[in-house]
Amino acid sequence: MTDIQKDIKNAGQSLEAKAQTAKDHAEGKPSSETLNKAKVKVDDAVKDLKKDL
């Protein structure tokens, strides 16, 4: 994967984590953007692994 692809993927993960955090806060739930980003990264890694198998 090239650096540009990694940057784009990382930006997408950040936006997804921010959106989830905002949604959680709007619903009155405690939320952490850092934790949400980690969850997104793990989900993406699992999807990539399944795709490679």
PDB file of N, CA and C in Angstrom:
ATOM      1  N   MET A   1       0.857  -1.171   0.000  1.00  0.00           N
ATOM      2  CA  MET A   1       0.000   0.000   0.000  1.00  0.00           C
ATOM      3  C   MET A   1       0.905   1.238   0.000  1.00  0.00           C
ATOM      4  N   THR A   2       0.579   2.185  -0.824  1.00  0.00           N
ATOM      5  CA  THR A   2       1.399   3.391  -0.914  1.00  0.00           C
ATOM      6  C   THR A   2       1.083   4.343   0.240  1.00  0.00           C
ATOM      7  N   ASP A   3       1.961   5.307   0.413  1.00  0.00           N
ATOM      8  CA  ASP A   3       1.754   6.294   1.488  1.00  0.00           C
ATOM      9  C   ASP A   3       0.465   7.073   1.294  1.00  0.00           C
ATOM     10  N   ILE A   4       0.138   7.389   0.050  1.00  0.00           N
ATOM     11  CA  ILE A   4      -1.091   8.141  -0.224  1.00  0.00           C
ATOM     12  C   ILE A   4      -2.305   7.305   0.154  1.00  0.00           C
ATOM     13  N   GLN A   5      -2.294   6.014  -0.175  1.00  0.00           N
ATOM     14  CA  GLN A   5      -3.406   5.142   0.190  1.00  0.00           C
ATOM     15  C   GLN A   5      -3.542   5.037   1.704  1.00  0.00           C
ATOM     16  N   LYS A   6      -2.427   4.938   2.391  1.00  0.00           N
ATOM     17  CA  LYS A   6      -2.453   4.864   3.853  1.00  0.00           C
ATOM     18  C   LYS A   6      -3.013   6.149   4.450  1.00  0.00           C
ATOM     19  N   ASP A   7      -2.605   7.289   3.897  1.00  0.00           N
ATOM     20  CA  ASP A   7      -3.107   8.575   4.387  1.00  0.00           C
ATOM     21  C   ASP A   7      -4.611   8.701   4.183  1.00  0.00           C
ATOM     22  N   ILE A   8      -5.081   8.268   3.028  1.00  0.00           N
ATOM     23  CA  ILE A   8      -6.513   8.332   2.730  1.00  0.00           C
ATOM     24  C   ILE A   8      -7.285   7.407   3.667  1.00  0.00           C
ATOM     25  N   LYS A   9      -6.768   6.202   3.857  1.00  0.00           N
ATOM     26  CA  LYS A   9      -7.432   5.241   4.745  1.00  0.00           C
ATOM     27  C   LYS A   9      -7.454   5.779   6.176  1.00  0.00           C
ATOM     28  N   ASN A  10      -6.353   6.356   6.624  1.00  0.00           N
ATOM     29  CA  ASN A  10      -6.271   6.906   7.972  1.00  0.00           C
ATOM     30  C   ASN A  10      -7.247   8.064   8.155  1.00  0.00           C
ATOM     31  N   ALA A  11      -7.350   8.912   7.152  1.00  0.00           N
ATOM     32  CA  ALA A  11      -8.290  10.037   7.223  1.00  0.00           C
ATOM     33  C   ALA A  11      -9.725   9.530   7.308  1.00  0.00           C
ATOM     34  N   GLY A  12     -10.029   8.513   6.532  1.00  0.00           N
ATOM     35  CA  GLY A  12     -11.367   7.921   6.577  1.00  0.00           C
ATOM     36  C   GLY A  12     -11.680   7.320   7.935  1.00  0.00           C
ATOM     37  N   GLN A  13     -10.682   6.650   8.516  1.00  0.00           N
ATOM     38  CA  GLN A  13     -10.861   6.061   9.838  1.00  0.00           C
ATOM     39  C   GLN A  13     -11.089   7.153  10.881  1.00  0.00           C
ATOM     40  N   SER A  14     -10.360   8.244  10.767  1.00  0.00           N
ATOM     41  CA  SER A  14     -10.522   9.359  11.708  1.00  0.00           C
ATOM     42  C   SER A  14     -11.919   9.962  11.607  1.00  0.00           C
ATOM     43  N   LEU A  15     -12.392  10.153  10.378  1.00  0.00           N
ATOM     44  CA  LEU A  15     -13.727  10.716  10.187  1.00  0.00           C
ATOM     45  C   LEU A  15     -14.801   9.786  10.733  1.00  0.00           C
ATOM     46  N   GLU A  16     -14.624   8.484  10.498  1.00  0.00           N
ATOM     47  CA  GLU A  16     -15.592   7.519  11.004  1.00  0.00           C
ATOM     48  C   GLU A  16     -15.621   7.523  12.534  1.00  0.00           C
ATOM     49  N   ALA A  17     -14.449   7.608  13.155  1.00  0.00           N
ATOM     50  CA  ALA A  17     -14.366   7.634  14.615  1.00  0.00           C
ATOM     51  C   ALA A  17     -14.988   8.910  15.173  1.00  0.00           C
ATOM     52  N   LYS A  18     -14.732  10.045  14.524  1.00  0.00           N
ATOM     53  CA  LYS A  18     -15.316  11.310  14.974  1.00  0.00           C
ATOM     54  C   LYS A  18     -16.831  11.272  14.856  1.00  0.00           C
ATOM     55  N   ALA A  19     -17.337  10.705  13.782  1.00  0.00           N
ATOM     56  CA  ALA A  19     -18.784  10.613  13.586  1.00  0.00           C
ATOM     57  C   ALA A  19     -19.412   9.726  14.658  1.00  0.00           C
ATOM     58  N   GLN A  20     -18.775   8.603  14.957  1.00  0.00           N
ATOM     59  CA  GLN A  20     -19.305   7.708  15.984  1.00  0.00           C
ATOM     60  C   GLN A  20     -19.290   8.377  17.351  1.00  0.00           C
ATOM     61  N   THR A  21     -18.221   9.097  17.649  1.00  0.00           N
ATOM     62  CA  THR A  21     -18.117   9.802  18.925  1.00  0.00           C
ATOM     63  C   THR A  21     -19.206  10.870  19.042  1.00  0.00           C
ATOM     64  N   ALA A  22     -19.409  11.629  17.980  1.00  0.00           N
ATOM     65  CA  ALA A  22     -20.452  12.657  17.989  1.00  0.00           C
ATOM     66  C   ALA A  22     -21.829  12.034  18.176  1.00  0.00           C
ATOM     67  N   LYS A  23     -22.064  10.911  17.500  1.00  0.00           N
ATOM     68  CA  LYS A  23     -23.345  10.213  17.623  1.00  0.00           C
ATOM     69  C   LYS A  23     -23.545   9.737  19.057  1.00  0.00           C
ATOM     70  N   ASP A  24     -22.514   9.134  19.634  1.00  0.00           N
ATOM     71  CA  ASP A  24     -22.608   8.656  21.015  1.00  0.00           C
ATOM     72  C   ASP A  24     -22.890   9.806  21.978  1.00  0.00           C
ATOM     73  N   HIS A  25     -22.197  10.914  21.807  1.00  0.00           N
ATOM     74  CA  HIS A  25     -22.410  12.073  22.688  1.00  0.00           C
ATOM     75  C   HIS A  25     -23.819  12.631  22.522  1.00  0.00           C
ATOM     76  N   ALA A  26     -24.326  12.648  21.299  1.00  0.00           N
ATOM     77  CA  ALA A  26     -25.679  13.147  21.054  1.00  0.00           C
ATOM     78  C   ALA A  26     -26.722  12.261  21.733  1.00  0.00           C
ATOM     79  N   GLU A  27     -26.406  10.971  21.842  1.00  0.00           N
ATOM     80  CA  GLU A  27     -27.318  10.035  22.505  1.00  0.00           C
ATOM     81  C   GLU A  27     -27.096   9.995  24.013  1.00  0.00           C
ATOM     82  N   GLY A  28     -26.156  10.796  24.515  1.00  0.00           N
ATOM     83  CA  GLY A  28     -25.892  10.864  25.940  1.00  0.00           C
ATOM     84  C   GLY A  28     -24.989   9.749  26.454  1.00  0.00           C
ATOM     85  N   LYS A  29     -24.361   9.036  25.540  1.00  0.00           N
ATOM     86  CA  LYS A  29     -23.468   7.944  25.931  1.00  0.00           C
ATOM     87  C   LYS A  29     -22.047   8.474  26.112  1.00  0.00           C
ATOM     88  N   PRO A  30     -21.309   7.921  27.057  1.00  0.00           N
ATOM     89  CA  PRO A  30     -19.889   8.285  27.145  1.00  0.00           C
ATOM     90  C   PRO A  30     -19.166   7.677  25.951  1.00  0.00           C
ATOM     91  N   SER A  31     -18.209   8.385  25.415  1.00  0.00           N
ATOM     92  CA  SER A  31     -17.511   7.897  24.244  1.00  0.00           C
ATOM     93  C   SER A  31     -16.121   8.495  24.181  1.00  0.00           C
ATOM     94  N   SER A  32     -15.225   7.772  23.545  1.00  0.00           N
ATOM     95  CA  SER A  32     -13.852   8.223  23.378  1.00  0.00           C
ATOM     96  C   SER A  32     -13.481   8.114  21.909  1.00  0.00           C
ATOM     97  N   GLU A  33     -13.036   9.209  21.339  1.00  0.00           N
ATOM     98  CA  GLU A  33     -12.641   9.197  19.931  1.00  0.00           C
ATOM     99  C   GLU A  33     -11.453   8.262  19.709  1.00  0.00           C
ATOM    100  N   THR A  34     -10.534   8.235  20.668  1.00  0.00           N
ATOM    101  CA  THR A  34      -9.368   7.360  20.555  1.00  0.00           C
ATOM    102  C   THR A  34      -9.807   5.895  20.531  1.00  0.00           C
ATOM    103  N   LEU A  35     -10.722   5.521  21.418  1.00  0.00           N
ATOM    104  CA  LEU A  35     -11.220   4.156  21.453  1.00  0.00           C
ATOM    105  C   LEU A  35     -11.992   3.829  20.185  1.00  0.00           C
ATOM    106  N   ASN A  36     -12.808   4.753  19.727  1.00  0.00           N
ATOM    107  CA  ASN A  36     -13.562   4.522  18.496  1.00  0.00           C
ATOM    108  C   ASN A  36     -12.631   4.343  17.305  1.00  0.00           C
ATOM    109  N   LYS A  37     -11.545   5.115  17.251  1.00  0.00           N
ATOM    110  CA  LYS A  37     -10.601   4.971  16.137  1.00  0.00           C
ATOM    111  C   LYS A  37      -9.913   3.608  16.205  1.00  0.00           C
ATOM    112  N   ALA A  38      -9.593   3.160  17.404  1.00  0.00           N
ATOM    113  CA  ALA A  38      -8.973   1.835  17.558  1.00  0.00           C
ATOM    114  C   ALA A  38      -9.930   0.751  17.076  1.00  0.00           C
ATOM    115  N   LYS A  39     -11.204   0.888  17.404  1.00  0.00           N
ATOM    116  CA  LYS A  39     -12.195  -0.092  16.949  1.00  0.00           C
ATOM    117  C   LYS A  39     -12.284  -0.102  15.421  1.00  0.00           C
ATOM    118  N   VAL A  40     -12.277   1.066  14.811  1.00  0.00           N
ATOM    119  CA  VAL A  40     -12.351   1.158  13.354  1.00  0.00           C
ATOM    120  C   VAL A  40     -11.116   0.512  12.718  1.00  0.00           C
ATOM    121  N   LYS A  41      -9.943   0.782  13.284  1.00  0.00           N
ATOM    122  CA  LYS A  41      -8.703   0.201  12.759  1.00  0.00           C
ATOM    123  C   LYS A  41      -8.726  -1.329  12.851  1.00  0.00           C
ATOM    124  N   VAL A  42      -9.217  -1.860  13.964  1.00  0.00           N
ATOM    125  CA  VAL A  42      -9.295  -3.312  14.120  1.00  0.00           C
ATOM    126  C   VAL A  42     -10.280  -3.894  13.112  1.00  0.00           C
ATOM    127  N   ASP A  43     -11.442  -3.253  12.968  1.00  0.00           N
ATOM    128  CA  ASP A  43     -12.424  -3.728  11.992  1.00  0.00           C
ATOM    129  C   ASP A  43     -11.843  -3.747  10.583  1.00  0.00           C
ATOM    130  N   ASP A  44     -11.134  -2.689  10.217  1.00  0.00           N
ATOM    131  CA  ASP A  44     -10.515  -2.622   8.893  1.00  0.00           C
ATOM    132  C   ASP A  44      -9.449  -3.703   8.717  1.00  0.00           C
ATOM    133  N   ALA A  45      -8.672  -3.947   9.768  1.00  0.00           N
ATOM    134  CA  ALA A  45      -7.625  -4.974   9.696  1.00  0.00           C
ATOM    135  C   ALA A  45      -8.237  -6.359   9.509  1.00  0.00           C
ATOM    136  N   VAL A  46      -9.333  -6.624  10.209  1.00  0.00           N
ATOM    137  CA  VAL A  46     -10.009  -7.914  10.074  1.00  0.00           C
ATOM    138  C   VAL A  46     -10.567  -8.066   8.659  1.00  0.00           C
ATOM    139  N   LYS A  47     -11.175  -7.004   8.134  1.00  0.00           N
ATOM    140  CA  LYS A  47     -11.710  -7.050   6.771  1.00  0.00           C
ATOM    141  C   LYS A  47     -10.595  -7.290   5.760  1.00  0.00           C
ATOM    142  N   ASP A  48      -9.458  -6.607   5.936  1.00  0.00           N
ATOM    143  CA  ASP A  48      -8.323  -6.786   5.029  1.00  0.00           C
ATOM    144  C   ASP A  48      -7.794  -8.212   5.108  1.00  0.00           C
ATOM    145  N   LEU A  49      -7.726  -8.761   6.296  1.00  0.00           N
ATOM    146  CA  LEU A  49      -7.234 -10.126   6.483  1.00  0.00           C
ATOM    147  C   LEU A  49      -8.161 -11.128   5.811  1.00  0.00           C
ATOM    148  N   LYS A  50      -9.469 -10.953   6.008  1.00  0.00           N
ATOM    149  CA  LYS A  50     -10.432 -11.855   5.375  1.00  0.00           C
ATOM    150  C   LYS A  50     -10.357 -11.762   3.857  1.00  0.00           C
ATOM    151  N   LYS A  51     -10.129 -10.542   3.351  1.00  0.00           N
ATOM    152  CA  LYS A  51     -10.036 -10.346   1.910  1.00  0.00           C
ATOM    153  C   LYS A  51      -8.813 -11.054   1.341  1.00  0.00           C
ATOM    154  N   ASP A  52      -7.723 -11.074   2.110  1.00  0.00           N
ATOM    155  CA  ASP A  52      -6.486 -11.695   1.653  1.00  0.00           C
ATOM    156  C   ASP A  52      -6.521 -13.210   1.699  1.00  0.00           C
ATOM    157  N   LEU A  53      -7.430 -13.772   2.510  1.00  0.00           N
ATOM    158  CA  LEU A  53      -7.500 -15.237   2.629  1.00  0.00           C
ATOM    159  C   LEU A  53      -8.309 -15.856   1.566  1.00  0.00           C
TER     160      LEU A  53
END
